[in-house]
Amino acid sequence: MRSLENIPIGSTARVADVAGEDTTSLRLLEMGLTPGVDVTVVGTAPLGDPLELELRGYRLSIRRNEASRVAIRT
């Protein structure tokens, strides 16, 4: 399954799962990256990290290594 870090800017995907059971995974879930939610990659910083996402009516920035934990369906 693909992860959120690999989808191009402007694409929308649906969250399938957040991997792990540590504090980072829990924090991603608390920020709204829950299974079933649609996420659009709005942009990236000049060096490609962090990613700017739009979900649930707000924008969120997360690092690529955090985005790699989020499995998606396109």
PDB file of N, CA and C in Angstrom:
ATOM      1  N   MET A   1       0.840  -1.176   0.000  1.00  0.00           N
ATOM      2  CA  MET A   1       0.000   0.000   0.000  1.00  0.00           C
ATOM      3  C   MET A   1       0.889   1.245   0.000  1.00  0.00           C
ATOM      4  N   ARG A   2       0.442   2.285  -0.664  1.00  0.00           N
ATOM      5  CA  ARG A   2       1.219   3.520  -0.752  1.00  0.00           C
ATOM      6  C   ARG A   2       1.108   4.338   0.522  1.00  0.00           C
ATOM      7  N   SER A   3       2.088   5.209   0.716  1.00  0.00           N
ATOM      8  CA  SER A   3       2.040   6.087   1.886  1.00  0.00           C
ATOM      9  C   SER A   3       1.853   7.539   1.435  1.00  0.00           C
ATOM     10  N   LEU A   4       1.453   8.356   2.355  1.00  0.00           N
ATOM     11  CA  LEU A   4       1.142   9.764   2.088  1.00  0.00           C
ATOM     12  C   LEU A   4       2.353  10.539   1.589  1.00  0.00           C
ATOM     13  N   GLU A   5       3.553  10.135   1.973  1.00  0.00           N
ATOM     14  CA  GLU A   5       4.749  10.879   1.562  1.00  0.00           C
ATOM     15  C   GLU A   5       5.009  10.786   0.063  1.00  0.00           C
ATOM     16  N   ASN A   6       4.413   9.813  -0.631  1.00  0.00           N
ATOM     17  CA  ASN A   6       4.719   9.567  -2.037  1.00  0.00           C
ATOM     18  C   ASN A   6       3.712  10.126  -3.031  1.00  0.00           C
ATOM     19  N   ILE A   7       2.658  10.787  -2.583  1.00  0.00           N
ATOM     20  CA  ILE A   7       1.702  11.299  -3.563  1.00  0.00           C
ATOM     21  C   ILE A   7       2.091  12.710  -3.994  1.00  0.00           C
ATOM     22  N   PRO A   8       1.853  13.046  -5.246  1.00  0.00           N
ATOM     23  CA  PRO A   8       2.282  14.353  -5.769  1.00  0.00           C
ATOM     24  C   PRO A   8       1.427  15.509  -5.242  1.00  0.00           C
ATOM     25  N   ILE A   9       1.982  16.703  -5.337  1.00  0.00           N
ATOM     26  CA  ILE A   9       1.279  17.923  -4.933  1.00  0.00           C
ATOM     27  C   ILE A   9       0.017  18.063  -5.780  1.00  0.00           C
ATOM     28  N   GLY A  10      -1.072  18.406  -5.130  1.00  0.00           N
ATOM     29  CA  GLY A  10      -2.354  18.576  -5.800  1.00  0.00           C
ATOM     30  C   GLY A  10      -3.215  17.328  -5.802  1.00  0.00           C
ATOM     31  N   SER A  11      -2.665  16.204  -5.393  1.00  0.00           N
ATOM     32  CA  SER A  11      -3.414  14.953  -5.374  1.00  0.00           C
ATOM     33  C   SER A  11      -4.172  14.793  -4.066  1.00  0.00           C
ATOM     34  N   THR A  12      -5.273  14.066  -4.149  1.00  0.00           N
ATOM     35  CA  THR A  12      -6.079  13.751  -2.979  1.00  0.00           C
ATOM     36  C   THR A  12      -6.104  12.249  -2.788  1.00  0.00           C
ATOM     37  N   ALA A  13      -6.018  11.829  -1.553  1.00  0.00           N
ATOM     38  CA  ALA A  13      -6.043  10.401  -1.223  1.00  0.00           C
ATOM     39  C   ALA A  13      -6.852  10.208   0.050  1.00  0.00           C
ATOM     40  N   ARG A  14      -7.273   8.981   0.279  1.00  0.00           N
ATOM     41  CA  ARG A  14      -8.029   8.640   1.493  1.00  0.00           C
ATOM     42  C   ARG A  14      -7.126   7.857   2.433  1.00  0.00           C
ATOM     43  N   VAL A  15      -7.102   8.252   3.695  1.00  0.00           N
ATOM     44  CA  VAL A  15      -6.294   7.561   4.697  1.00  0.00           C
ATOM     45  C   VAL A  15      -6.863   6.167   4.922  1.00  0.00           C
ATOM     46  N   ALA A  16      -5.982   5.164   4.857  1.00  0.00           N
ATOM     47  CA  ALA A  16      -6.379   3.785   5.118  1.00  0.00           C
ATOM     48  C   ALA A  16      -5.992   3.364   6.528  1.00  0.00           C
ATOM     49  N   ASP A  17      -4.799   3.798   6.978  1.00  0.00           N
ATOM     50  CA  ASP A  17      -4.301   3.366   8.285  1.00  0.00           C
ATOM     51  C   ASP A  17      -3.126   4.239   8.692  1.00  0.00           C
ATOM     52  N   VAL A  18      -2.904   4.329   9.991  1.00  0.00           N
ATOM     53  CA  VAL A  18      -1.703   4.973  10.532  1.00  0.00           C
ATOM     54  C   VAL A  18      -0.921   3.895  11.259  1.00  0.00           C
ATOM     55  N   ALA A  19       0.295   3.639  10.793  1.00  0.00           N
ATOM     56  CA  ALA A  19       1.112   2.546  11.332  1.00  0.00           C
ATOM     57  C   ALA A  19       1.756   2.936  12.652  1.00  0.00           C
ATOM     58  N   GLY A  20       1.906   1.960  13.515  1.00  0.00           N
ATOM     59  CA  GLY A  20       2.611   2.150  14.771  1.00  0.00           C
ATOM     60  C   GLY A  20       1.672   2.373  15.941  1.00  0.00           C
ATOM     61  N   GLU A  21       2.237   2.235  17.120  1.00  0.00           N
ATOM     62  CA  GLU A  21       1.481   2.449  18.354  1.00  0.00           C
ATOM     63  C   GLU A  21       2.264   3.321  19.327  1.00  0.00           C
ATOM     64  N   ASP A  22       3.079   4.212  18.793  1.00  0.00           N
ATOM     65  CA  ASP A  22       3.871   5.102  19.635  1.00  0.00           C
ATOM     66  C   ASP A  22       3.228   6.482  19.706  1.00  0.00           C
ATOM     67  N   THR A  23       3.911   7.420  20.340  1.00  0.00           N
ATOM     68  CA  THR A  23       3.348   8.761  20.526  1.00  0.00           C
ATOM     69  C   THR A  23       3.183   9.514  19.207  1.00  0.00           C
ATOM     70  N   THR A  24       4.070   9.275  18.242  1.00  0.00           N
ATOM     71  CA  THR A  24       3.946   9.950  16.952  1.00  0.00           C
ATOM     72  C   THR A  24       2.688   9.499  16.227  1.00  0.00           C
ATOM     73  N   SER A  25       2.432   8.203  16.188  1.00  0.00           N
ATOM     74  CA  SER A  25       1.233   7.681  15.531  1.00  0.00           C
ATOM     75  C   SER A  25      -0.025   8.185  16.211  1.00  0.00           C
ATOM     76  N   LEU A  26      -0.014   8.212  17.525  1.00  0.00           N
ATOM     77  CA  LEU A  26      -1.158   8.716  18.278  1.00  0.00           C
ATOM     78  C   LEU A  26      -1.394  10.189  17.965  1.00  0.00           C
ATOM     79  N   ARG A  27      -0.330  10.957  17.885  1.00  0.00           N
ATOM     80  CA  ARG A  27      -0.451  12.389  17.581  1.00  0.00           C
ATOM     81  C   ARG A  27      -1.018  12.614  16.179  1.00  0.00           C
ATOM     82  N   LEU A  28      -0.603  11.811  15.199  1.00  0.00           N
ATOM     83  CA  LEU A  28      -1.149  11.930  13.844  1.00  0.00           C
ATOM     84  C   LEU A  28      -2.652  11.675  13.847  1.00  0.00           C
ATOM     85  N   LEU A  29      -3.084  10.675  14.604  1.00  0.00           N
ATOM     86  CA  LEU A  29      -4.519  10.397  14.729  1.00  0.00           C
ATOM     87  C   LEU A  29      -5.238  11.553  15.402  1.00  0.00           C
ATOM     88  N   GLU A  30      -4.648  12.127  16.438  1.00  0.00           N
ATOM     89  CA  GLU A  30      -5.255  13.261  17.135  1.00  0.00           C
ATOM     90  C   GLU A  30      -5.375  14.485  16.238  1.00  0.00           C
ATOM     91  N   MET A  31      -4.458  14.638  15.280  1.00  0.00           N
ATOM     92  CA  MET A  31      -4.489  15.779  14.365  1.00  0.00           C
ATOM     93  C   MET A  31      -5.490  15.578  13.225  1.00  0.00           C
ATOM     94  N   GLY A  32      -6.176  14.437  13.210  1.00  0.00           N
ATOM     95  CA  GLY A  32      -7.234  14.233  12.230  1.00  0.00           C
ATOM     96  C   GLY A  32      -6.927  13.248  11.129  1.00  0.00           C
ATOM     97  N   LEU A  33      -5.743  12.676  11.108  1.00  0.00           N
ATOM     98  CA  LEU A  33      -5.379  11.711  10.067  1.00  0.00           C
ATOM     99  C   LEU A  33      -5.908  10.324  10.451  1.00  0.00           C
ATOM    100  N   THR A  34      -7.216  10.203  10.445  1.00  0.00           N
ATOM    101  CA  THR A  34      -7.869   8.957  10.825  1.00  0.00           C
ATOM    102  C   THR A  34      -8.337   8.209   9.573  1.00  0.00           C
ATOM    103  N   PRO A  35      -8.468   6.895   9.653  1.00  0.00           N
ATOM    104  CA  PRO A  35      -8.924   6.120   8.490  1.00  0.00           C
ATOM    105  C   PRO A  35     -10.254   6.648   7.941  1.00  0.00           C
ATOM    106  N   GLY A  36     -10.287   6.799   6.602  1.00  0.00           N
ATOM    107  CA  GLY A  36     -11.484   7.263   5.919  1.00  0.00           C
ATOM    108  C   GLY A  36     -11.492   8.729   5.555  1.00  0.00           C
ATOM    109  N   VAL A  37     -10.596   9.531   6.123  1.00  0.00           N
ATOM    110  CA  VAL A  37     -10.581  10.964   5.832  1.00  0.00           C
ATOM    111  C   VAL A  37      -9.813  11.220   4.531  1.00  0.00           C
ATOM    112  N   ASP A  38     -10.323  12.176   3.724  1.00  0.00           N
ATOM    113  CA  ASP A  38      -9.643  12.575   2.491  1.00  0.00           C
ATOM    114  C   ASP A  38      -8.605  13.640   2.806  1.00  0.00           C
ATOM    115  N   VAL A  39      -7.422  13.498   2.206  1.00  0.00           N
ATOM    116  CA  VAL A  39      -6.303  14.404   2.431  1.00  0.00           C
ATOM    117  C   VAL A  39      -5.775  14.874   1.078  1.00  0.00           C
ATOM    118  N   THR A  40      -5.567  16.178   0.939  1.00  0.00           N
ATOM    119  CA  THR A  40      -4.981  16.751  -0.268  1.00  0.00           C
ATOM    120  C   THR A  40      -3.604  17.301   0.067  1.00  0.00           C
ATOM    121  N   VAL A  41      -2.613  16.971  -0.757  1.00  0.00           N
ATOM    122  CA  VAL A  41      -1.275  17.536  -0.580  1.00  0.00           C
ATOM    123  C   VAL A  41      -1.270  18.896  -1.278  1.00  0.00           C
ATOM    124  N   VAL A  42      -1.141  19.952  -0.486  1.00  0.00           N
ATOM    125  CA  VAL A  42      -1.207  21.319  -0.998  1.00  0.00           C
ATOM    126  C   VAL A  42       0.158  21.794  -1.484  1.00  0.00           C
ATOM    127  N   GLY A  43       1.217  21.407  -0.777  1.00  0.00           N
ATOM    128  CA  GLY A  43       2.551  21.844  -1.168  1.00  0.00           C
ATOM    129  C   GLY A  43       3.604  21.287  -0.238  1.00  0.00           C
ATOM    130  N   THR A  44       4.841  21.709  -0.508  1.00  0.00           N
ATOM    131  CA  THR A  44       5.960  21.328   0.340  1.00  0.00           C
ATOM    132  C   THR A  44       6.826  22.557   0.574  1.00  0.00           C
ATOM    133  N   ALA A  45       7.675  22.483   1.565  1.00  0.00           N
ATOM    134  CA  ALA A  45       8.663  23.536   1.786  1.00  0.00           C
ATOM    135  C   ALA A  45       9.689  23.472   0.648  1.00  0.00           C
ATOM    136  N   PRO A  46      10.509  24.500   0.487  1.00  0.00           N
ATOM    137  CA  PRO A  46      11.461  24.533  -0.635  1.00  0.00           C
ATOM    138  C   PRO A  46      12.367  23.300  -0.759  1.00  0.00           C
ATOM    139  N   LEU A  47      12.757  22.681   0.336  1.00  0.00           N
ATOM    140  CA  LEU A  47      13.609  21.496   0.256  1.00  0.00           C
ATOM    141  C   LEU A  47      12.816  20.196   0.306  1.00  0.00           C
ATOM    142  N   GLY A  48      11.464  20.297   0.222  1.00  0.00           N
ATOM    143  CA  GLY A  48      10.623  19.110   0.161  1.00  0.00           C
ATOM    144  C   GLY A  48      10.130  18.584   1.493  1.00  0.00           C
ATOM    145  N   ASP A  49      10.495  19.220   2.574  1.00  0.00           N
ATOM    146  CA  ASP A  49      10.064  18.755   3.889  1.00  0.00           C
ATOM    147  C   ASP A  49       9.859  19.966   4.785  1.00  0.00           C
ATOM    148  N   PRO A  50       8.726  20.175   5.394  1.00  0.00           N
ATOM    149  CA  PRO A  50       7.574  19.295   5.559  1.00  0.00           C
ATOM    150  C   PRO A  50       6.576  19.392   4.413  1.00  0.00           C
ATOM    151  N   LEU A  51       5.560  18.519   4.476  1.00  0.00           N
ATOM    152  CA  LEU A  51       4.445  18.536   3.539  1.00  0.00           C
ATOM    153  C   LEU A  51       3.322  19.376   4.135  1.00  0.00           C
ATOM    154  N   GLU A  52       2.629  20.119   3.280  1.00  0.00           N
ATOM    155  CA  GLU A  52       1.451  20.852   3.721  1.00  0.00           C
ATOM    156  C   GLU A  52       0.222  20.110   3.211  1.00  0.00           C
ATOM    157  N   LEU A  53      -0.652  19.730   4.126  1.00  0.00           N
ATOM    158  CA  LEU A  53      -1.833  18.944   3.799  1.00  0.00           C
ATOM    159  C   LEU A  53      -3.092  19.738   4.101  1.00  0.00           C
ATOM    160  N   GLU A  54      -4.166  19.408   3.398  1.00  0.00           N
ATOM    161  CA  GLU A  54      -5.472  19.978   3.707  1.00  0.00           C
ATOM    162  C   GLU A  54      -6.422  18.832   3.988  1.00  0.00           C
ATOM    163  N   LEU A  55      -7.055  18.881   5.157  1.00  0.00           N
ATOM    164  CA  LEU A  55      -8.004  17.858   5.554  1.00  0.00           C
ATOM    165  C   LEU A  55      -8.975  18.441   6.555  1.00  0.00           C
ATOM    166  N   ARG A  56     -10.192  17.961   6.539  1.00  0.00           N
ATOM    167  CA  ARG A  56     -11.216  18.375   7.506  1.00  0.00           C
ATOM    168  C   ARG A  56     -11.386  19.895   7.602  1.00  0.00           C
ATOM    169  N   GLY A  57     -11.123  20.617   6.506  1.00  0.00           N
ATOM    170  CA  GLY A  57     -11.318  22.059   6.495  1.00  0.00           C
ATOM    171  C   GLY A  57     -10.179  22.879   7.068  1.00  0.00           C
ATOM    172  N   TYR A  58      -9.028  22.258   7.319  1.00  0.00           N
ATOM    173  CA  TYR A  58      -7.876  23.022   7.806  1.00  0.00           C
ATOM    174  C   TYR A  58      -6.599  22.500   7.156  1.00  0.00           C
ATOM    175  N   ARG A  59      -5.522  23.247   7.335  1.00  0.00           N
ATOM    176  CA  ARG A  59      -4.227  22.843   6.789  1.00  0.00           C
ATOM    177  C   ARG A  59      -3.308  22.381   7.901  1.00  0.00           C
ATOM    178  N   LEU A  60      -2.507  21.374   7.566  1.00  0.00           N
ATOM    179  CA  LEU A  60      -1.624  20.731   8.528  1.00  0.00           C
ATOM    180  C   LEU A  60      -0.281  20.494   7.863  1.00  0.00           C
ATOM    181  N   SER A  61       0.796  20.764   8.565  1.00  0.00           N
ATOM    182  CA  SER A  61       2.137  20.465   8.066  1.00  0.00           C
ATOM    183  C   SER A  61       2.737  19.342   8.894  1.00  0.00           C
ATOM    184  N   ILE A  62       3.238  18.315   8.194  1.00  0.00           N
ATOM    185  CA  ILE A  62       3.906  17.200   8.869  1.00  0.00           C
ATOM    186  C   ILE A  62       5.178  16.850   8.110  1.00  0.00           C
ATOM    187  N   ARG A  63       6.117  16.257   8.792  1.00  0.00           N
ATOM    188  CA  ARG A  63       7.375  15.838   8.169  1.00  0.00           C
ATOM    189  C   ARG A  63       7.147  14.621   7.282  1.00  0.00           C
ATOM    190  N   ARG A  64       8.025  14.434   6.319  1.00  0.00           N
ATOM    191  CA  ARG A  64       7.923  13.276   5.421  1.00  0.00           C
ATOM    192  C   ARG A  64       8.021  11.957   6.180  1.00  0.00           C
ATOM    193  N   ASN A  65       8.885  11.891   7.200  1.00  0.00           N
ATOM    194  CA  ASN A  65       8.987  10.623   7.939  1.00  0.00           C
ATOM    195  C   ASN A  65       7.706  10.330   8.697  1.00  0.00           C
ATOM    196  N   GLU A  66       6.974  11.345   9.108  1.00  0.00           N
ATOM    197  CA  GLU A  66       5.659  11.140   9.729  1.00  0.00           C
ATOM    198  C   GLU A  66       4.637  10.718   8.676  1.00  0.00           C
ATOM    199  N   ALA A  67       4.693  11.342   7.511  1.00  0.00           N
ATOM    200  CA  ALA A  67       3.768  11.003   6.424  1.00  0.00           C
ATOM    201  C   ALA A  67       3.977   9.572   5.930  1.00  0.00           C
ATOM    202  N   SER A  68       5.182   9.046   6.098  1.00  0.00           N
ATOM    203  CA  SER A  68       5.444   7.677   5.653  1.00  0.00           C
ATOM    204  C   SER A  68       4.679   6.651   6.498  1.00  0.00           C
ATOM    205  N   ARG A  69       4.211   7.044   7.667  1.00  0.00           N
ATOM    206  CA  ARG A  69       3.422   6.148   8.520  1.00  0.00           C
ATOM    207  C   ARG A  69       1.958   6.070   8.114  1.00  0.00           C
ATOM    208  N   VAL A  70       1.517   6.991   7.247  1.00  0.00           N
ATOM    209  CA  VAL A  70       0.103   7.075   6.873  1.00  0.00           C
ATOM    210  C   VAL A  70      -0.114   6.321   5.555  1.00  0.00           C
ATOM    211  N   ALA A  71      -0.765   5.173   5.626  1.00  0.00           N
ATOM    212  CA  ALA A  71      -1.096   4.389   4.435  1.00  0.00           C
ATOM    213  C   ALA A  71      -2.341   5.007   3.796  1.00  0.00           C
ATOM    214  N   ILE A  72      -2.343   5.070   2.457  1.00  0.00           N
ATOM    215  CA  ILE A  72      -3.441   5.717   1.742  1.00  0.00           C
ATOM    216  C   ILE A  72      -4.006   4.815   0.647  1.00  0.00           C
ATOM    217  N   ARG A  73      -5.213   5.181   0.230  1.00  0.00           N
ATOM    218  CA  ARG A  73      -5.841   4.636  -0.972  1.00  0.00           C
ATOM    219  C   ARG A  73      -6.125   5.826  -1.879  1.00  0.00           C
ATOM    220  N   THR A  74      -5.814   5.724  -3.155  1.00  0.00           N
ATOM    221  CA  THR A  74      -6.074   6.837  -4.075  1.00  0.00           C
ATOM    222  C   THR A  74      -7.366   6.645  -4.818  1.00  0.00           C
TER     223      THR A  74
END
